[in-house]
């Protein structure tokens, strides 16, 4: 197994999901600020996992191509752009969906 393959699998496995902790927080009536912080960290963690997977998968795909077919791009810059895309687009989609649902229902 190559480095890019190992990193893409690791990025999928390392993204934790604190759903159980949030459920316990709701049951126990934990302070709303703590709940919000854990939820926000969960979203950020998921976004980073998605970006790492896409980045390492892209590196793996590039390593499979011949050198003639490769386009010259900077994986670090692409990772930053993907991170901004995921962290901005996901909340916007959620807000738009929530507003639409509030208007319809």
PDB file of N, CA and C in Angstrom:
ATOM      1  N   UNK A   1       0.854  -1.178   0.000  1.00  0.00           N
ATOM      2  CA  UNK A   1       0.000   0.000   0.000  1.00  0.00           C
ATOM      3  C   UNK A   1       0.898   1.238   0.000  1.00  0.00           C
ATOM      4  N   UNK A   2       0.544   2.177  -0.857  1.00  0.00           N
ATOM      5  CA  UNK A   2       1.334   3.381  -0.981  1.00  0.00           C
ATOM      6  C   UNK A   2       0.973   4.430   0.060  1.00  0.00           C
ATOM      7  N   UNK A   3       1.774   5.477   0.116  1.00  0.00           N
ATOM      8  CA  UNK A   3       1.557   6.534   1.107  1.00  0.00           C
ATOM      9  C   UNK A   3       0.237   7.266   0.869  1.00  0.00           C
ATOM     10  N   UNK A   4      -0.072   7.573  -0.382  1.00  0.00           N
ATOM     11  CA  UNK A   4      -1.314   8.297  -0.679  1.00  0.00           C
ATOM     12  C   UNK A   4      -2.538   7.451  -0.333  1.00  0.00           C
ATOM     13  N   UNK A   5      -2.459   6.154  -0.589  1.00  0.00           N
ATOM     14  CA  UNK A   5      -3.566   5.260  -0.231  1.00  0.00           C
ATOM     15  C   UNK A   5      -3.747   5.194   1.278  1.00  0.00           C
ATOM     16  N   UNK A   6      -2.637   5.064   2.002  1.00  0.00           N
ATOM     17  CA  UNK A   6      -2.697   4.984   3.463  1.00  0.00           C
ATOM     18  C   UNK A   6      -3.255   6.273   4.060  1.00  0.00           C
ATOM     19  N   UNK A   7      -2.845   7.411   3.518  1.00  0.00           N
ATOM     20  CA  UNK A   7      -3.325   8.692   4.039  1.00  0.00           C
ATOM     21  C   UNK A   7      -4.804   8.895   3.745  1.00  0.00           C
ATOM     22  N   UNK A   8      -5.293   8.454   2.585  1.00  0.00           N
ATOM     23  CA  UNK A   8      -6.710   8.612   2.283  1.00  0.00           C
ATOM     24  C   UNK A   8      -7.564   7.718   3.177  1.00  0.00           C
ATOM     25  N   UNK A   9      -7.120   6.510   3.462  1.00  0.00           N
ATOM     26  CA  UNK A   9      -7.844   5.640   4.388  1.00  0.00           C
ATOM     27  C   UNK A   9      -7.788   6.222   5.801  1.00  0.00           C
ATOM     28  N   UNK A  10      -6.634   6.709   6.198  1.00  0.00           N
ATOM     29  CA  UNK A  10      -6.484   7.306   7.528  1.00  0.00           C
ATOM     30  C   UNK A  10      -7.350   8.535   7.715  1.00  0.00           C
ATOM     31  N   UNK A  11      -7.506   9.329   6.666  1.00  0.00           N
ATOM     32  CA  UNK A  11      -8.343  10.529   6.785  1.00  0.00           C
ATOM     33  C   UNK A  11      -9.811  10.164   6.950  1.00  0.00           C
ATOM     34  N   UNK A  12     -10.232   9.061   6.351  1.00  0.00           N
ATOM     35  CA  UNK A  12     -11.609   8.596   6.541  1.00  0.00           C
ATOM     36  C   UNK A  12     -11.829   8.056   7.946  1.00  0.00           C
ATOM     37  N   UNK A  13     -10.868   7.341   8.465  1.00  0.00           N
ATOM     38  CA  UNK A  13     -11.020   6.716   9.769  1.00  0.00           C
ATOM     39  C   UNK A  13     -10.821   7.683  10.930  1.00  0.00           C
ATOM     40  N   UNK A  14     -10.083   8.769  10.701  1.00  0.00           N
ATOM     41  CA  UNK A  14      -9.751   9.663  11.807  1.00  0.00           C
ATOM     42  C   UNK A  14     -10.844  10.680  12.122  1.00  0.00           C
ATOM     43  N   UNK A  15     -11.753  10.919  11.210  1.00  0.00           N
ATOM     44  CA  UNK A  15     -12.818  11.891  11.458  1.00  0.00           C
ATOM     45  C   UNK A  15     -13.805  11.292  12.454  1.00  0.00           C
ATOM     46  N   UNK A  16     -13.816  11.850  13.652  1.00  0.00           N
ATOM     47  CA  UNK A  16     -14.716  11.331  14.693  1.00  0.00           C
ATOM     48  C   UNK A  16     -16.065  12.026  14.603  1.00  0.00           C
ATOM     49  N   UNK A  17     -17.076  11.349  15.092  1.00  0.00           N
ATOM     50  CA  UNK A  17     -18.427  11.899  15.059  1.00  0.00           C
ATOM     51  C   UNK A  17     -18.993  11.853  16.478  1.00  0.00           C
ATOM     52  N   UNK A  18     -19.121  12.986  17.151  1.00  0.00           N
ATOM     53  CA  UNK A  18     -19.548  12.992  18.553  1.00  0.00           C
ATOM     54  C   UNK A  18     -21.065  12.956  18.747  1.00  0.00           C
ATOM     55  N   UNK A  19     -21.758  12.177  17.926  1.00  0.00           N
ATOM     56  CA  UNK A  19     -23.215  12.099  18.044  1.00  0.00           C
ATOM     57  C   UNK A  19     -23.613  11.565  19.414  1.00  0.00           C
ATOM     58  N   UNK A  20     -22.899  10.555  19.905  1.00  0.00           N
ATOM     59  CA  UNK A  20     -23.222   9.989  21.211  1.00  0.00           C
ATOM     60  C   UNK A  20     -23.037  11.028  22.317  1.00  0.00           C
ATOM     61  N   UNK A  21     -21.955  11.785  22.244  1.00  0.00           N
ATOM     62  CA  UNK A  21     -21.723  12.820  23.255  1.00  0.00           C
ATOM     63  C   UNK A  21     -22.808  13.886  23.198  1.00  0.00           C
ATOM     64  N   UNK A  22     -23.218  14.278  22.015  1.00  0.00           N
ATOM     65  CA  UNK A  22     -24.269  15.287  21.891  1.00  0.00           C
ATOM     66  C   UNK A  22     -25.605  14.763  22.406  1.00  0.00           C
ATOM     67  N   UNK A  23     -25.872  13.484  22.194  1.00  0.00           N
ATOM     68  CA  UNK A  23     -27.110  12.888  22.717  1.00  0.00           C
ATOM     69  C   UNK A  23     -27.099  12.876  24.243  1.00  0.00           C
ATOM     70  N   UNK A  24     -25.949  12.549  24.828  1.00  0.00           N
ATOM     71  CA  UNK A  24     -25.835  12.561  26.294  1.00  0.00           C
ATOM     72  C   UNK A  24     -25.976  13.985  26.816  1.00  0.00           C
ATOM     73  N   UNK A  25     -25.365  14.943  26.119  1.00  0.00           N
ATOM     74  CA  UNK A  25     -25.487  16.350  26.528  1.00  0.00           C
ATOM     75  C   UNK A  25     -26.947  16.784  26.538  1.00  0.00           C
ATOM     76  N   UNK A  26     -27.694  16.380  25.525  1.00  0.00           N
ATOM     77  CA  UNK A  26     -29.116  16.745  25.461  1.00  0.00           C
ATOM     78  C   UNK A  26     -29.892  16.115  26.611  1.00  0.00           C
ATOM     79  N   UNK A  27     -29.594  14.852  26.891  1.00  0.00           N
ATOM     80  CA  UNK A  27     -30.297  14.146  27.960  1.00  0.00           C
ATOM     81  C   UNK A  27     -30.001  14.762  29.329  1.00  0.00           C
ATOM     82  N   UNK A  28     -28.737  15.118  29.553  1.00  0.00           N
ATOM     83  CA  UNK A  28     -28.339  15.658  30.848  1.00  0.00           C
ATOM     84  C   UNK A  28     -28.630  17.148  30.995  1.00  0.00           C
ATOM     85  N   UNK A  29     -28.979  17.795  29.905  1.00  0.00           N
ATOM     86  CA  UNK A  29     -29.256  19.233  29.967  1.00  0.00           C
ATOM     87  C   UNK A  29     -28.009  20.059  30.189  1.00  0.00           C
ATOM     88  N   UNK A  30     -26.919  19.675  29.526  1.00  0.00           N
ATOM     89  CA  UNK A  30     -25.652  20.393  29.646  1.00  0.00           C
ATOM     90  C   UNK A  30     -25.818  21.802  29.083  1.00  0.00           C
ATOM     91  N   UNK A  31     -24.964  22.696  29.562  1.00  0.00           N
ATOM     92  CA  UNK A  31     -24.997  24.092  29.119  1.00  0.00           C
ATOM     93  C   UNK A  31     -25.015  24.178  27.591  1.00  0.00           C
ATOM     94  N   UNK A  32     -25.856  25.048  27.088  1.00  0.00           N
ATOM     95  CA  UNK A  32     -26.041  25.197  25.639  1.00  0.00           C
ATOM     96  C   UNK A  32     -24.746  25.620  24.936  1.00  0.00           C
ATOM     97  N   UNK A  33     -23.912  26.390  25.619  1.00  0.00           N
ATOM     98  CA  UNK A  33     -22.644  26.841  25.024  1.00  0.00           C
ATOM     99  C   UNK A  33     -21.725  25.651  24.767  1.00  0.00           C
ATOM    100  N   UNK A  34     -21.629  24.748  25.725  1.00  0.00           N
ATOM    101  CA  UNK A  34     -20.795  23.557  25.544  1.00  0.00           C
ATOM    102  C   UNK A  34     -21.322  22.700  24.406  1.00  0.00           C
ATOM    103  N   UNK A  35     -22.634  22.518  24.358  1.00  0.00           N
ATOM    104  CA  UNK A  35     -23.251  21.742  23.282  1.00  0.00           C
ATOM    105  C   UNK A  35     -22.922  22.363  21.925  1.00  0.00           C
ATOM    106  N   UNK A  36     -23.035  23.683  21.823  1.00  0.00           N
ATOM    107  CA  UNK A  36     -22.769  24.382  20.567  1.00  0.00           C
ATOM    108  C   UNK A  36     -21.306  24.264  20.168  1.00  0.00           C
ATOM    109  N   UNK A  37     -20.406  24.361  21.141  1.00  0.00           N
ATOM    110  CA  UNK A  37     -18.976  24.235  20.837  1.00  0.00           C
ATOM    111  C   UNK A  37     -18.635  22.838  20.326  1.00  0.00           C
ATOM    112  N   UNK A  38     -19.178  21.807  20.952  1.00  0.00           N
ATOM    113  CA  UNK A  38     -18.909  20.434  20.511  1.00  0.00           C
ATOM    114  C   UNK A  38     -19.509  20.197  19.127  1.00  0.00           C
ATOM    115  N   UNK A  39     -20.699  20.727  18.891  1.00  0.00           N
ATOM    116  CA  UNK A  39     -21.334  20.576  17.580  1.00  0.00           C
ATOM    117  C   UNK A  39     -20.519  21.292  16.494  1.00  0.00           C
ATOM    118  N   UNK A  40     -20.059  22.492  16.793  1.00  0.00           N
ATOM    119  CA  UNK A  40     -19.237  23.233  15.827  1.00  0.00           C
ATOM    120  C   UNK A  40     -17.924  22.534  15.538  1.00  0.00           C
ATOM    121  N   UNK A  41     -17.308  21.976  16.577  1.00  0.00           N
ATOM    122  CA  UNK A  41     -16.065  21.238  16.388  1.00  0.00           C
ATOM    123  C   UNK A  41     -16.305  19.998  15.549  1.00  0.00           C
ATOM    124  N   UNK A  42     -17.456  19.376  15.718  1.00  0.00           N
ATOM    125  CA  UNK A  42     -17.802  18.205  14.922  1.00  0.00           C
ATOM    126  C   UNK A  42     -17.898  18.562  13.440  1.00  0.00           C
ATOM    127  N   UNK A  43     -18.545  19.676  13.146  1.00  0.00           N
ATOM    128  CA  UNK A  43     -18.663  20.096  11.752  1.00  0.00           C
ATOM    129  C   UNK A  43     -17.305  20.434  11.157  1.00  0.00           C
ATOM    130  N   UNK A  44     -16.458  21.114  11.920  1.00  0.00           N
ATOM    131  CA  UNK A  44     -15.126  21.454  11.442  1.00  0.00           C
ATOM    132  C   UNK A  44     -14.303  20.193  11.214  1.00  0.00           C
ATOM    133  N   UNK A  45     -14.405  19.238  12.122  1.00  0.00           N
ATOM    134  CA  UNK A  45     -13.685  17.975  12.002  1.00  0.00           C
ATOM    135  C   UNK A  45     -14.127  17.208  10.753  1.00  0.00           C
ATOM    136  N   UNK A  46     -15.432  17.191  10.497  1.00  0.00           N
ATOM    137  CA  UNK A  46     -15.936  16.519   9.295  1.00  0.00           C
ATOM    138  C   UNK A  46     -15.425  17.199   8.030  1.00  0.00           C
ATOM    139  N   UNK A  47     -15.412  18.528   8.032  1.00  0.00           N
ATOM    140  CA  UNK A  47     -14.924  19.261   6.861  1.00  0.00           C
ATOM    141  C   UNK A  47     -13.454  18.961   6.608  1.00  0.00           C
ATOM    142  N   UNK A  48     -12.665  18.905   7.647  1.00  0.00           N
ATOM    143  CA  UNK A  48     -11.242  18.611   7.486  1.00  0.00           C
ATOM    144  C   UNK A  48     -11.049  17.185   6.980  1.00  0.00           C
ATOM    145  N   UNK A  49     -11.850  16.238   7.485  1.00  0.00           N
ATOM    146  CA  UNK A  49     -11.760  14.863   7.003  1.00  0.00           C
ATOM    147  C   UNK A  49     -12.089  14.745   5.524  1.00  0.00           C
ATOM    148  N   UNK A  50     -13.116  15.480   5.087  1.00  0.00           N
ATOM    149  CA  UNK A  50     -13.492  15.472   3.664  1.00  0.00           C
ATOM    150  C   UNK A  50     -12.371  16.042   2.809  1.00  0.00           C
ATOM    151  N   UNK A  51     -11.808  17.159   3.251  1.00  0.00           N
ATOM    152  CA  UNK A  51     -10.735  17.800   2.479  1.00  0.00           C
ATOM    153  C   UNK A  51      -9.499  16.910   2.437  1.00  0.00           C
ATOM    154  N   UNK A  52      -9.118  16.318   3.560  1.00  0.00           N
ATOM    155  CA  UNK A  52      -7.959  15.424   3.554  1.00  0.00           C
ATOM    156  C   UNK A  52      -8.189  14.241   2.620  1.00  0.00           C
ATOM    157  N   UNK A  53      -9.374  13.648   2.678  1.00  0.00           N
ATOM    158  CA  UNK A  53      -9.650  12.520   1.799  1.00  0.00           C
ATOM    159  C   UNK A  53      -9.552  12.930   0.333  1.00  0.00           C
ATOM    160  N   UNK A  54     -10.182  14.041  -0.013  1.00  0.00           N
ATOM    161  CA  UNK A  54     -10.128  14.505  -1.409  1.00  0.00           C
ATOM    162  C   UNK A  54      -8.701  14.805  -1.837  1.00  0.00           C
ATOM    163  N   UNK A  55      -7.928  15.412  -0.957  1.00  0.00           N
ATOM    164  CA  UNK A  55      -6.547  15.772  -1.290  1.00  0.00           C
ATOM    165  C   UNK A  55      -5.704  14.525  -1.505  1.00  0.00           C
ATOM    166  N   UNK A  56      -5.756  13.594  -0.565  1.00  0.00           N
ATOM    167  CA  UNK A  56      -4.935  12.388  -0.689  1.00  0.00           C
ATOM    168  C   UNK A  56      -5.416  11.490  -1.821  1.00  0.00           C
ATOM    169  N   UNK A  57      -6.720  11.487  -2.060  1.00  0.00           N
ATOM    170  CA  UNK A  57      -7.249  10.723  -3.190  1.00  0.00           C
ATOM    171  C   UNK A  57      -6.755  11.341  -4.505  1.00  0.00           C
ATOM    172  N   UNK A  58      -6.714  12.662  -4.563  1.00  0.00           N
ATOM    173  CA  UNK A  58      -6.185  13.341  -5.744  1.00  0.00           C
ATOM    174  C   UNK A  58      -4.716  13.029  -5.961  1.00  0.00           C
ATOM    175  N   UNK A  59      -3.951  12.963  -4.873  1.00  0.00           N
ATOM    176  CA  UNK A  59      -2.539  12.594  -4.997  1.00  0.00           C
ATOM    177  C   UNK A  59      -2.389  11.165  -5.501  1.00  0.00           C
ATOM    178  N   UNK A  60      -3.252  10.282  -5.021  1.00  0.00           N
ATOM    179  CA  UNK A  60      -3.217   8.896  -5.479  1.00  0.00           C
ATOM    180  C   UNK A  60      -3.564   8.819  -6.965  1.00  0.00           C
ATOM    181  N   UNK A  61      -4.606   9.550  -7.368  1.00  0.00           N
ATOM    182  CA  UNK A  61      -4.998   9.542  -8.776  1.00  0.00           C
ATOM    183  C   UNK A  61      -3.891  10.103  -9.661  1.00  0.00           C
ATOM    184  N   UNK A  62      -3.196  11.143  -9.173  1.00  0.00           N
ATOM    185  CA  UNK A  62      -2.094  11.712  -9.947  1.00  0.00           C
ATOM    186  C   UNK A  62      -0.939  10.727 -10.057  1.00  0.00           C
ATOM    187  N   UNK A  63      -0.697   9.955  -9.005  1.00  0.00           N
ATOM    188  CA  UNK A  63       0.407   9.005  -9.060  1.00  0.00           C
ATOM    189  C   UNK A  63       0.114   7.860 -10.028  1.00  0.00           C
ATOM    190  N   UNK A  64      -1.168   7.624 -10.313  1.00  0.00           N
ATOM    191  CA  UNK A  64      -1.556   6.568 -11.252  1.00  0.00           C
ATOM    192  C   UNK A  64      -1.419   7.014 -12.709  1.00  0.00           C
ATOM    193  N   UNK A  65      -1.428   8.325 -12.934  1.00  0.00           N
ATOM    194  CA  UNK A  65      -1.336   8.837 -14.299  1.00  0.00           C
ATOM    195  C   UNK A  65       0.123   8.848 -14.738  1.00  0.00           C
ATOM    196  N   UNK A  66       0.305   8.904 -16.029  1.00  0.00           N
ATOM    197  CA  UNK A  66       1.666   9.054 -16.534  1.00  0.00           C
ATOM    198  C   UNK A  66       2.087  10.501 -16.363  1.00  0.00           C
ATOM    199  N   UNK A  67       3.379  10.740 -16.396  1.00  0.00           N
ATOM    200  CA  UNK A  67       3.880  12.097 -16.184  1.00  0.00           C
ATOM    201  C   UNK A  67       3.435  13.042 -17.293  1.00  0.00           C
ATOM    202  N   UNK A  68       3.181  12.545 -18.479  1.00  0.00           N
ATOM    203  CA  UNK A  68       2.755  13.404 -19.590  1.00  0.00           C
ATOM    204  C   UNK A  68       1.336  13.906 -19.361  1.00  0.00           C
ATOM    205  N   UNK A  69       0.469  13.058 -18.790  1.00  0.00           N
ATOM    206  CA  UNK A  69      -0.930  13.416 -18.593  1.00  0.00           C
ATOM    207  C   UNK A  69      -1.175  14.316 -17.388  1.00  0.00           C
ATOM    208  N   UNK A  70      -0.188  14.413 -16.484  1.00  0.00           N
ATOM    209  CA  UNK A  70      -0.410  15.181 -15.270  1.00  0.00           C
ATOM    210  C   UNK A  70      -0.447  16.679 -15.567  1.00  0.00           C
ATOM    211  N   UNK A  71      -1.421  17.346 -14.952  1.00  0.00           N
ATOM    212  CA  UNK A  71      -1.420  18.795 -15.014  1.00  0.00           C
ATOM    213  C   UNK A  71      -0.702  19.300 -13.768  1.00  0.00           C
ATOM    214  N   UNK A  72      -0.047  20.426 -13.925  1.00  0.00           N
ATOM    215  CA  UNK A  72       0.743  20.959 -12.822  1.00  0.00           C
ATOM    216  C   UNK A  72      -0.184  21.760 -11.918  1.00  0.00           C
ATOM    217  N   UNK A  73      -0.353  21.279 -10.691  1.00  0.00           N
ATOM    218  CA  UNK A  73      -1.167  21.987  -9.718  1.00  0.00           C
ATOM    219  C   UNK A  73      -0.564  21.771  -8.336  1.00  0.00           C
ATOM    220  N   UNK A  74      -0.882  22.675  -7.444  1.00  0.00           N
ATOM    221  CA  UNK A  74      -0.348  22.615  -6.093  1.00  0.00           C
ATOM    222  C   UNK A  74      -1.378  21.962  -5.183  1.00  0.00           C
ATOM    223  N   UNK A  75      -1.103  20.778  -4.659  1.00  0.00           N
ATOM    224  CA  UNK A  75      -2.080  20.093  -3.808  1.00  0.00           C
ATOM    225  C   UNK A  75      -2.416  20.880  -2.538  1.00  0.00           C
ATOM    226  N   UNK A  76      -1.457  21.617  -1.987  1.00  0.00           N
ATOM    227  CA  UNK A  76      -1.721  22.392  -0.768  1.00  0.00           C
ATOM    228  C   UNK A  76      -2.737  23.497  -1.056  1.00  0.00           C
ATOM    229  N   UNK A  77      -2.588  24.182  -2.173  1.00  0.00           N
ATOM    230  CA  UNK A  77      -3.522  25.245  -2.535  1.00  0.00           C
ATOM    231  C   UNK A  77      -4.907  24.663  -2.809  1.00  0.00           C
ATOM    232  N   UNK A  78      -4.955  23.537  -3.483  1.00  0.00           N
ATOM    233  CA  UNK A  78      -6.239  22.883  -3.739  1.00  0.00           C
ATOM    234  C   UNK A  78      -6.906  22.458  -2.432  1.00  0.00           C
ATOM    235  N   UNK A  79      -6.126  22.005  -1.453  1.00  0.00           N
ATOM    236  CA  UNK A  79      -6.677  21.610  -0.160  1.00  0.00           C
ATOM    237  C   UNK A  79      -7.283  22.811   0.568  1.00  0.00           C
ATOM    238  N   UNK A  80      -6.611  23.953   0.507  1.00  0.00           N
ATOM    239  CA  UNK A  80      -7.138  25.172   1.145  1.00  0.00           C
ATOM    240  C   UNK A  80      -8.449  25.576   0.481  1.00  0.00           C
ATOM    241  N   UNK A  81      -8.494  25.554  -0.839  1.00  0.00           N
ATOM    242  CA  UNK A  81      -9.722  25.918  -1.547  1.00  0.00           C
ATOM    243  C   UNK A  81     -10.861  24.936  -1.242  1.00  0.00           C
ATOM    244  N   UNK A  82     -10.556  23.658  -1.163  1.00  0.00           N
ATOM    245  CA  UNK A  82     -11.585  22.673  -0.834  1.00  0.00           C
ATOM    246  C   UNK A  82     -12.086  22.863   0.589  1.00  0.00           C
ATOM    247  N   UNK A  83     -11.177  23.201   1.520  1.00  0.00           N
ATOM    248  CA  UNK A  83     -11.592  23.435   2.896  1.00  0.00           C
ATOM    249  C   UNK A  83     -12.549  24.620   2.988  1.00  0.00           C
ATOM    250  N   UNK A  84     -12.216  25.705   2.304  1.00  0.00           N
ATOM    251  CA  UNK A  84     -13.095  26.880   2.303  1.00  0.00           C
ATOM    252  C   UNK A  84     -14.432  26.524   1.659  1.00  0.00           C
ATOM    253  N   UNK A  85     -14.385  25.773   0.584  1.00  0.00           N
ATOM    254  CA  UNK A  85     -15.617  25.365  -0.103  1.00  0.00           C
ATOM    255  C   UNK A  85     -16.517  24.546   0.820  1.00  0.00           C
ATOM    256  N   UNK A  86     -15.941  23.578   1.511  1.00  0.00           N
ATOM    257  CA  UNK A  86     -16.738  22.707   2.373  1.00  0.00           C
ATOM    258  C   UNK A  86     -17.252  23.464   3.591  1.00  0.00           C
ATOM    259  N   UNK A  87     -16.414  24.289   4.213  1.00  0.00           N
ATOM    260  CA  UNK A  87     -16.825  24.968   5.435  1.00  0.00           C
ATOM    261  C   UNK A  87     -17.765  26.134   5.164  1.00  0.00           C
ATOM    262  N   UNK A  88     -17.779  26.677   3.958  1.00  0.00           N
ATOM    263  CA  UNK A  88     -18.699  27.766   3.636  1.00  0.00           C
ATOM    264  C   UNK A  88     -19.967  27.220   2.977  1.00  0.00           C
ATOM    265  N   UNK A  89     -19.810  26.281   2.081  1.00  0.00           N
ATOM    266  CA  UNK A  89     -20.971  25.776   1.333  1.00  0.00           C
ATOM    267  C   UNK A  89     -21.924  24.985   2.229  1.00  0.00           C
ATOM    268  N   UNK A  90     -21.405  24.169   3.118  1.00  0.00           N
ATOM    269  CA  UNK A  90     -22.272  23.341   3.961  1.00  0.00           C
ATOM    270  C   UNK A  90     -23.198  24.178   4.855  1.00  0.00           C
ATOM    271  N   UNK A  91     -22.683  25.177   5.579  1.00  0.00           N
ATOM    272  CA  UNK A  91     -23.608  25.997   6.373  1.00  0.00           C
ATOM    273  C   UNK A  91     -24.597  26.787   5.513  1.00  0.00           C
ATOM    274  N   UNK A  92     -24.159  27.256   4.355  1.00  0.00           N
ATOM    275  CA  UNK A  92     -25.075  27.998   3.482  1.00  0.00           C
ATOM    276  C   UNK A  92     -26.209  27.102   2.991  1.00  0.00           C
ATOM    277  N   UNK A  93     -25.880  25.887   2.630  1.00  0.00           N
ATOM    278  CA  UNK A  93     -26.925  24.947   2.201  1.00  0.00           C
ATOM    279  C   UNK A  93     -27.883  24.671   3.360  1.00  0.00           C
ATOM    280  N   UNK A  94     -27.346  24.518   4.556  1.00  0.00           N
ATOM    281  CA  UNK A  94     -28.187  24.291   5.723  1.00  0.00           C
ATOM    282  C   UNK A  94     -29.098  25.476   6.031  1.00  0.00           C
ATOM    283  N   UNK A  95     -28.570  26.679   5.928  1.00  0.00           N
ATOM    284  CA  UNK A  95     -29.370  27.878   6.184  1.00  0.00           C
ATOM    285  C   UNK A  95     -30.474  28.023   5.149  1.00  0.00           C
ATOM    286  N   UNK A  96     -30.128  27.837   3.892  1.00  0.00           N
ATOM    287  CA  UNK A  96     -31.122  27.962   2.820  1.00  0.00           C
ATOM    288  C   UNK A  96     -32.206  26.896   2.972  1.00  0.00           C
ATOM    289  N   UNK A  97     -31.801  25.671   3.272  1.00  0.00           N
ATOM    290  CA  UNK A  97     -32.775  24.596   3.468  1.00  0.00           C
ATOM    291  C   UNK A  97     -33.678  24.880   4.668  1.00  0.00           C
ATOM    292  N   UNK A  98     -33.088  25.370   5.751  1.00  0.00           N
ATOM    293  CA  UNK A  98     -33.871  25.707   6.935  1.00  0.00           C
ATOM    294  C   UNK A  98     -34.871  26.819   6.682  1.00  0.00           C
ATOM    295  N   UNK A  99     -34.425  27.863   5.971  1.00  0.00           N
ATOM    296  CA  UNK A  99     -35.341  28.960   5.641  1.00  0.00           C
ATOM    297  C   UNK A  99     -36.479  28.485   4.730  1.00  0.00           C
ATOM    298  N   UNK A 100     -36.138  27.657   3.760  1.00  0.00           N
ATOM    299  CA  UNK A 100     -37.153  27.122   2.854  1.00  0.00           C
ATOM    300  C   UNK A 100     -38.169  26.277   3.628  1.00  0.00           C
ATOM    301  N   UNK A 101     -37.649  25.418   4.520  1.00  0.00           N
ATOM    302  CA  UNK A 101     -38.547  24.563   5.299  1.00  0.00           C
ATOM    303  C   UNK A 101     -39.433  25.403   6.230  1.00  0.00           C
ATOM    304  N   UNK A 102     -38.875  26.484   6.775  1.00  0.00           N
ATOM    305  CA  UNK A 102     -39.663  27.359   7.655  1.00  0.00           C
ATOM    306  C   UNK A 102     -40.778  28.048   6.861  1.00  0.00           C
ATOM    307  N   UNK A 103     -40.510  28.405   5.620  1.00  0.00           N
ATOM    308  CA  UNK A 103     -41.522  29.060   4.803  1.00  0.00           C
ATOM    309  C   UNK A 103     -42.601  28.084   4.342  1.00  0.00           C
ATOM    310  N   UNK A 104     -42.192  26.873   4.015  1.00  0.00           N
ATOM    311  CA  UNK A 104     -43.141  25.881   3.493  1.00  0.00           C
ATOM    312  C   UNK A 104     -43.990  25.288   4.598  1.00  0.00           C
ATOM    313  N   UNK A 105     -43.369  24.965   5.718  1.00  0.00           N
ATOM    314  CA  UNK A 105     -44.088  24.279   6.785  1.00  0.00           C
ATOM    315  C   UNK A 105     -44.437  25.284   7.842  1.00  0.00           C
TER     316      UNK A 105
END
